[in-house]
Amino acid sequence: MDENRPPVGDTVRSAFASELFLPLGKVTGDTPLTELAGLDSVKLLRVVAALEMQYAITLDDEQLYDLGTVEDVAVLVEKALETSAVSGG
């Protein structure tokens, strides 16, 4: 893992806050996705696309339907990063 890179959770929180024009303090790891003001399927996919570009990973769209919180998204990104590192991607 790149020591200069911010923690994945912070980046995910920032991505949601930026996409939804929310103060970063309003987006915590425990925040349910259903409680993020203005979040819809299109905006969720935009957040995911931004994270995929930032981390050079691919997230399984099917898994997005099982996510409940912002932290769940961060965990999914971390797993994709681990898979990418193992496969040499």
Protein backbone atom coordinates (compact mmCIF):
# COMPACT_ATOMS: atom_id res chain seq x y z
CA MET A 1 0.00 0.00 0.00
CA ASP A 2 1.20 3.49 -0.86
CA GLU A 3 2.13 5.19 2.42
CA ASN A 4 1.47 8.62 0.88
CA ARG A 5 -2.09 7.73 -0.09
CA PRO A 6 -4.88 8.75 2.31
CA PRO A 7 -6.79 5.92 3.97
CA VAL A 8 -9.39 4.38 1.67
CA GLY A 9 -12.21 5.27 4.05
CA ASP A 10 -11.27 8.95 3.91
CA THR A 11 -11.16 8.90 0.13
CA VAL A 12 -14.54 7.18 -0.11
CA ARG A 13 -16.10 9.67 2.31
CA SER A 14 -14.63 12.52 0.32
CA ALA A 15 -15.94 11.09 -2.96
CA PHE A 16 -19.49 10.89 -1.59
CA ALA A 17 -19.28 14.37 -0.06
CA SER A 18 -17.98 15.85 -3.30
CA GLU A 19 -20.57 14.16 -5.54
CA LEU A 20 -23.45 15.10 -3.24
CA PHE A 21 -22.17 18.59 -2.33
CA LEU A 22 -22.23 17.69 1.36
CA PRO A 23 -19.83 18.82 4.08
CA LEU A 24 -17.31 16.06 4.74
CA GLY A 25 -18.43 15.95 8.36
CA LYS A 26 -21.90 14.82 7.24
CA VAL A 27 -20.46 11.67 5.65
CA THR A 28 -19.13 9.11 8.14
CA GLY A 29 -18.29 5.46 7.73
CA ASP A 30 -21.46 4.56 9.62
CA THR A 31 -23.69 6.69 7.42
CA PRO A 32 -26.27 4.49 5.68
CA LEU A 33 -26.24 5.09 1.93
CA THR A 34 -30.02 5.50 2.10
CA GLU A 35 -29.55 8.50 4.38
CA LEU A 36 -27.15 10.41 2.14
CA ALA A 37 -29.16 13.38 0.90
CA GLY A 38 -29.44 13.32 -2.87
CA LEU A 39 -27.86 9.91 -3.44
CA ASP A 40 -29.50 7.96 -6.23
CA SER A 41 -28.30 5.10 -8.42
CA VAL A 42 -26.70 7.42 -10.97
CA LYS A 43 -24.75 9.35 -8.34
CA LEU A 44 -23.68 6.12 -6.67
CA LEU A 45 -22.31 4.89 -9.99
CA ARG A 46 -20.50 8.22 -10.45
CA VAL A 47 -18.87 7.84 -7.03
CA VAL A 48 -17.89 4.27 -7.88
CA ALA A 49 -16.48 5.33 -11.26
CA ALA A 50 -14.40 8.04 -9.57
CA LEU A 51 -13.05 5.53 -7.05
CA GLU A 52 -12.28 3.03 -9.82
CA MET A 53 -10.32 5.68 -11.72
CA GLN A 54 -8.49 6.92 -8.63
CA TYR A 55 -7.41 3.45 -7.54
CA ALA A 56 -7.18 1.79 -10.99
CA ILE A 57 -9.57 -0.96 -9.90
CA THR A 58 -12.83 -2.43 -11.12
CA LEU A 59 -15.71 -2.93 -8.73
CA ASP A 60 -18.43 -5.50 -9.38
CA ASP A 61 -21.65 -3.59 -10.02
CA GLU A 62 -23.68 -6.50 -8.61
CA GLN A 63 -21.99 -6.05 -5.23
CA LEU A 64 -23.12 -2.43 -5.06
CA TYR A 65 -26.67 -3.55 -4.32
CA ASP A 66 -25.52 -5.23 -1.10
CA LEU A 67 -23.82 -2.15 0.34
CA GLY A 68 -25.47 -0.52 3.32
CA THR A 69 -23.03 2.11 4.55
CA VAL A 70 -20.20 4.31 3.36
CA GLU A 71 -17.82 1.96 5.21
CA ASP A 72 -19.17 -0.96 3.16
CA VAL A 73 -18.07 0.88 0.02
CA ALA A 74 -14.61 1.44 1.54
CA VAL A 75 -14.32 -2.27 2.37
CA LEU A 76 -15.28 -3.18 -1.20
CA VAL A 77 -12.58 -0.82 -2.52
CA GLU A 78 -9.99 -2.28 -0.12
CA LYS A 79 -10.83 -5.82 -1.26
CA ALA A 80 -10.46 -4.76 -4.89
CA LEU A 81 -7.09 -3.20 -4.08
CA GLU A 82 -5.95 -6.42 -2.39
CA THR A 83 -7.08 -8.47 -5.38
CA SER A 84 -5.32 -6.07 -7.73
CA ALA A 85 -2.10 -6.28 -5.70
CA VAL A 86 -2.20 -10.09 -5.61
CA SER A 87 -2.85 -10.35 -9.34
CA GLY A 88 -0.17 -7.79 -10.10
CA GLY A 89 -2.71 -5.28 -11.46
